[in-house]
Amino acid sequence: EDCPRFLVRCIRDRIAVVVDYIALATILVTCICSPLTFIWGSDMCDPLFEPFQRSLVRCDMAMDAIFGSYMVFLLNVSFLHQTQRLEIVSRRKILRRHLLSTYYWLRVLSTTPYAFIMLSSCRFSLLLNNVKVIRILGFVYMPDSLWRLRDTGCVRLCRPLFLLLLVSHWTACLLCCLGGYRHSVQQLGHDAYKTRFQGTSSQDEGFEVNGRVSLYLTVLIEACYMMTGMLDNPVGDGSPREKNFGAL
């Protein structure tokens, strides 16, 4: 079949590779920043909404705009047939593949949370950002232009651990927001969670870990335990869990 004019070839055109790398970088930034926007359950319209969270929201909005542009770009890019390994260049098949795909529309929907939040005058919580978790699948089903990379042994070996850390980070932020951690912070403040490491000698004063960082690492380790089925309290009998940096 003849290739339509101006169609981007996923195999031959370098622009497809560059754009797909940018899209993966955008997904990574989103997976890091987006959960942090709701980590303490703050509201965008709250006067107490902290400056660093506002910066995260601006960054997250920028990533949404870039990813939304990428979704439009995909409608003009050829793709590889899943079983026959043939490049499909038919515009009709390209559009049908995307526009009839639930996965495509879920990714499009993931670019709209801030529009809903702002149009509703902040009646929607920043927890609406959780719809963006669908983008993590971008690292599972890597773009067709990177077919050589996704089949390498290094990617196959490292991808499960990489995905585990991303999902654990997202889960940790949810635990901070919805679990007992948020209530503890409201009662005791972040300073109560500071961790002090003693020096190895009288001249070495050691160092102190910020309460926010210390609490986040504690919850991240908890999330890693949850994701791997290694909770120290799987039966839920109320025994305390250790604040363990060594596990990280």
Protein backbone atom coordinates (compact mmCIF):
# COMPACT_ATOMS: atom_id res chain seq x y z
CA GLU A 1 0.00 0.00 0.00
CA ASP A 2 1.27 3.47 -0.91
CA CYS A 3 2.35 5.65 1.98
CA PRO A 4 0.15 8.77 2.35
CA ARG A 5 1.82 12.14 2.08
CA PHE A 6 3.07 13.67 5.36
CA LEU A 7 2.55 10.42 7.27
CA VAL A 8 5.26 9.84 9.89
CA ARG A 9 6.84 6.40 9.52
CA CYS A 10 7.42 4.74 12.89
CA ILE A 11 10.43 2.80 11.60
CA ARG A 12 12.12 5.08 9.09
CA ASP A 13 11.55 8.61 10.39
CA ARG A 14 13.83 9.86 13.14
CA ILE A 15 11.19 12.32 14.29
CA ALA A 16 9.06 9.39 15.48
CA VAL A 17 11.92 8.16 17.68
CA VAL A 18 12.59 11.63 19.10
CA VAL A 19 8.92 12.30 19.85
CA ASP A 20 8.49 8.88 21.49
CA TYR A 21 11.51 9.49 23.74
CA ILE A 22 10.02 12.86 24.72
CA ALA A 23 6.69 11.15 25.44
CA LEU A 24 8.38 8.57 27.71
CA ALA A 25 10.23 11.35 29.53
CA THR A 26 6.92 13.15 29.96
CA ILE A 27 5.31 10.01 31.39
CA LEU A 28 8.20 9.60 33.84
CA VAL A 29 7.93 13.21 35.07
CA THR A 30 4.15 12.79 35.42
CA CYS A 31 4.54 9.57 37.43
CA ILE A 32 6.90 11.36 39.82
CA CYS A 33 5.24 14.79 40.09
CA SER A 34 1.53 14.03 39.80
CA PRO A 35 1.26 11.87 42.97
CA LEU A 36 3.23 14.49 44.91
CA THR A 37 0.55 17.11 44.13
CA PHE A 38 -1.91 15.37 46.47
CA ILE A 39 0.52 13.74 48.91
CA TRP A 40 -0.72 15.77 51.91
CA GLY A 41 -4.29 16.12 50.68
CA SER A 42 -4.10 19.87 50.03
CA ASP A 43 -6.52 21.77 47.82
CA MET A 44 -5.35 23.99 44.95
CA CYS A 45 -7.65 26.81 46.14
CA ASP A 46 -6.50 26.50 49.75
CA PRO A 47 -4.44 29.55 50.85
CA LEU A 48 -2.22 27.12 52.75
CA PHE A 49 -1.40 25.22 49.55
CA GLU A 50 2.39 25.17 49.73
CA PRO A 51 4.64 26.87 47.14
CA PHE A 52 6.51 23.68 46.20
CA GLN A 53 3.18 21.98 45.51
CA ARG A 54 2.15 24.88 43.26
CA SER A 55 5.37 24.39 41.31
CA LEU A 56 4.59 20.67 41.00
CA VAL A 57 1.11 21.49 39.72
CA ARG A 58 2.53 23.84 37.06
CA CYS A 59 5.01 21.18 35.99
CA ASP A 60 2.26 18.57 35.92
CA MET A 61 0.06 20.83 33.77
CA ALA A 62 2.91 21.30 31.31
CA MET A 63 3.36 17.53 31.08
CA ASP A 64 -0.37 17.13 30.41
CA ALA A 65 -0.18 19.64 27.55
CA ILE A 66 2.81 17.85 26.00
CA PHE A 67 1.21 14.43 26.40
CA GLY A 68 -2.06 15.69 24.90
CA SER A 69 -0.12 16.91 21.85
CA TYR A 70 1.51 13.48 21.64
CA MET A 71 -1.93 11.83 21.54
CA VAL A 72 -2.82 13.96 18.51
CA PHE A 73 0.57 13.20 16.94
CA LEU A 74 -0.10 9.45 17.15
CA LEU A 75 -3.01 9.83 14.70
CA ASN A 76 -0.48 10.58 11.97
CA VAL A 77 2.07 7.86 12.74
CA SER A 78 2.25 4.40 11.21
CA PHE A 79 2.39 1.36 13.49
CA LEU A 80 3.66 -2.20 13.54
CA HIS A 81 1.21 -5.07 13.24
CA GLN A 82 1.36 -7.02 16.51
CA THR A 83 1.71 -10.50 15.02
CA GLN A 84 2.95 -10.03 11.44
CA ARG A 85 5.60 -7.41 12.24
CA LEU A 86 4.51 -5.35 9.24
CA GLU A 87 4.35 -1.57 9.18
CA ILE A 88 0.78 -0.35 8.66
CA VAL A 89 0.64 2.92 6.71
CA SER A 90 -3.08 3.09 5.91
CA ARG A 91 -4.61 6.22 7.46
CA ARG A 92 -7.94 4.46 7.83
CA LYS A 93 -6.36 1.62 9.82
CA ILE A 94 -4.27 4.03 11.90
CA LEU A 95 -7.32 6.08 12.87
CA ARG A 96 -9.39 2.96 13.53
CA ARG A 97 -6.66 1.52 15.72
CA HIS A 98 -6.59 4.58 17.98
CA LEU A 99 -10.10 6.00 17.87
CA LEU A 100 -11.69 2.63 18.61
CA SER A 101 -9.25 1.88 21.41
CA THR A 102 -10.30 2.26 25.05
CA TYR A 103 -6.64 2.55 26.01
CA TYR A 104 -6.21 5.56 23.69
CA TRP A 105 -9.21 7.40 25.11
CA LEU A 106 -8.18 6.67 28.70
CA ARG A 107 -4.83 8.31 27.96
CA VAL A 108 -6.63 11.28 26.42
CA LEU A 109 -8.84 11.49 29.52
CA SER A 110 -5.73 11.52 31.72
CA THR A 111 -4.81 14.95 30.31
CA THR A 112 -8.01 16.60 31.58
CA PRO A 113 -8.01 16.51 35.44
CA TYR A 114 -6.90 20.12 35.88
CA ALA A 115 -9.58 21.30 33.45
CA PHE A 116 -12.24 19.60 35.62
CA ILE A 117 -10.68 20.96 38.82
CA MET A 118 -10.51 24.55 37.59
CA LEU A 119 -13.92 24.54 35.88
CA SER A 120 -15.48 23.25 39.10
CA SER A 121 -13.78 25.99 41.18
CA CYS A 122 -11.74 23.32 42.99
CA ARG A 123 -14.74 21.25 44.05
CA PHE A 124 -12.80 18.27 42.67
CA SER A 125 -9.81 17.13 44.70
CA LEU A 126 -6.29 16.76 43.32
CA LEU A 127 -6.87 13.04 43.86
CA LEU A 128 -8.46 13.23 40.42
CA ASN A 129 -4.87 13.07 39.14
CA ASN A 130 -4.95 9.35 39.85
CA VAL A 131 -6.48 8.81 36.40
CA LYS A 132 -2.97 9.47 35.07
CA VAL A 133 -1.77 6.14 36.44
CA ILE A 134 -2.85 4.67 33.07
CA ARG A 135 0.20 6.33 31.52
CA ILE A 136 2.53 3.92 33.31
CA LEU A 137 1.51 1.38 30.67
CA GLY A 138 3.60 3.45 28.26
CA PHE A 139 6.63 1.71 29.78
CA VAL A 140 4.96 -1.69 29.41
CA TYR A 141 3.82 -1.26 25.79
CA MET A 142 6.73 0.79 24.51
CA PRO A 143 6.28 2.78 21.26
CA ASP A 144 6.75 0.96 17.95
CA SER A 145 9.62 3.25 16.91
CA LEU A 146 11.62 1.85 19.86
CA TRP A 147 11.05 -1.79 18.92
CA ARG A 148 14.79 -2.53 18.92
CA LEU A 149 15.20 -1.08 22.40
CA ARG A 150 12.21 -2.85 23.97
CA ASP A 151 13.51 -6.26 22.89
CA THR A 152 16.96 -5.84 24.49
CA GLY A 153 17.89 -7.96 27.50
CA CYS A 154 18.75 -4.91 29.60
CA VAL A 155 15.28 -3.39 29.19
CA ARG A 156 13.55 -6.71 29.90
CA LEU A 157 15.66 -7.17 33.03
CA CYS A 158 15.35 -3.64 34.46
CA ARG A 159 11.75 -2.83 33.49
CA PRO A 160 10.04 -4.87 36.28
CA LEU A 161 12.09 -3.18 39.01
CA PHE A 162 11.58 0.23 37.39
CA LEU A 163 7.80 -0.31 37.24
CA LEU A 164 7.80 -1.56 40.84
CA LEU A 165 9.43 1.68 42.02
CA LEU A 166 7.01 3.85 40.01
CA VAL A 167 3.93 2.03 41.31
CA SER A 168 5.34 2.03 44.86
CA HIS A 169 5.92 5.79 44.65
CA TRP A 170 2.32 6.33 43.52
CA THR A 171 1.02 4.02 46.26
CA ALA A 172 3.16 5.77 48.88
CA CYS A 173 1.65 9.14 47.98
CA LEU A 174 -1.85 7.67 48.25
CA LEU A 175 -1.00 6.24 51.66
CA CYS A 176 0.28 9.64 52.80
CA CYS A 177 -2.93 11.29 51.64
CA LEU A 178 -5.57 8.71 52.59
CA GLY A 179 -3.86 6.63 55.27
CA GLY A 180 -3.13 7.36 58.90
CA TYR A 181 0.06 9.22 58.00
CA ARG A 182 -1.79 12.40 57.05
CA HIS A 183 -3.69 12.38 60.34
CA SER A 184 -0.42 11.93 62.26
CA VAL A 185 1.19 14.84 60.42
CA GLN A 186 -1.78 17.09 61.20
CA GLN A 187 -1.51 16.19 64.89
CA LEU A 188 2.27 16.14 65.38
CA GLY A 189 3.71 18.15 62.49
CA HIS A 190 6.49 17.13 60.10
CA ASP A 191 9.26 17.83 62.60
CA ALA A 192 8.13 14.86 64.68
CA TYR A 193 9.29 12.58 61.89
CA LYS A 194 12.84 13.90 61.58
CA THR A 195 15.48 11.19 61.56
CA ARG A 196 18.91 11.83 63.09
CA PHE A 197 21.93 9.76 62.04
CA GLN A 198 24.75 9.80 64.56
CA GLY A 199 28.34 10.34 63.44
CA THR A 200 30.95 7.61 63.61
CA SER A 201 33.32 9.69 65.74
CA SER A 202 33.32 12.65 68.13
CA GLN A 203 34.29 14.96 65.25
CA ASP A 204 31.53 13.67 63.01
CA GLU A 205 28.22 15.24 64.04
CA GLY A 206 26.20 13.06 61.69
CA PHE A 207 23.27 14.45 59.74
CA GLU A 208 19.54 14.93 59.98
CA VAL A 209 16.87 13.90 57.48
CA ASN A 210 14.00 16.34 56.97
CA GLY A 211 10.70 15.18 58.48
CA ARG A 212 8.91 15.24 55.11
CA VAL A 213 11.62 13.16 53.44
CA SER A 214 11.85 10.75 56.37
CA LEU A 215 8.09 10.18 56.43
CA TYR A 216 7.92 9.76 52.65
CA LEU A 217 10.70 7.14 52.70
CA THR A 218 8.92 5.30 55.48
CA VAL A 219 5.72 5.17 53.45
CA LEU A 220 7.61 4.27 50.26
CA ILE A 221 9.13 1.26 52.00
CA GLU A 222 5.66 0.30 53.21
CA ALA A 223 4.39 0.55 49.64
CA CYS A 224 7.28 -1.61 48.37
CA TYR A 225 6.34 -4.22 50.96
CA MET A 226 2.72 -4.07 49.77
CA MET A 227 3.66 -4.42 46.10
CA THR A 228 5.92 -7.40 46.75
CA GLY A 229 3.72 -9.12 49.32
CA MET A 230 6.34 -8.77 52.07
CA LEU A 231 4.41 -6.77 54.66
CA ASP A 232 5.74 -7.36 58.15
CA ASN A 233 2.15 -7.45 59.39
CA PRO A 234 0.14 -9.33 56.74
CA VAL A 235 -2.59 -10.46 59.15
CA GLY A 236 -3.33 -6.93 60.40
CA ASP A 237 -3.07 -7.71 64.13
CA GLY A 238 -2.07 -4.13 64.96
CA SER A 239 1.64 -4.69 65.64
CA PRO A 240 3.88 -1.68 64.84
CA ARG A 241 5.89 -1.54 61.65
CA GLU A 242 9.52 -0.49 61.73
CA LYS A 243 10.72 2.82 60.34
CA ASN A 244 13.34 1.05 58.29
CA PHE A 245 15.70 2.91 55.97
CA GLY A 246 17.73 -0.24 55.37
CA ALA A 247 14.95 -1.84 53.31
CA LEU A 248 15.16 1.03 50.81
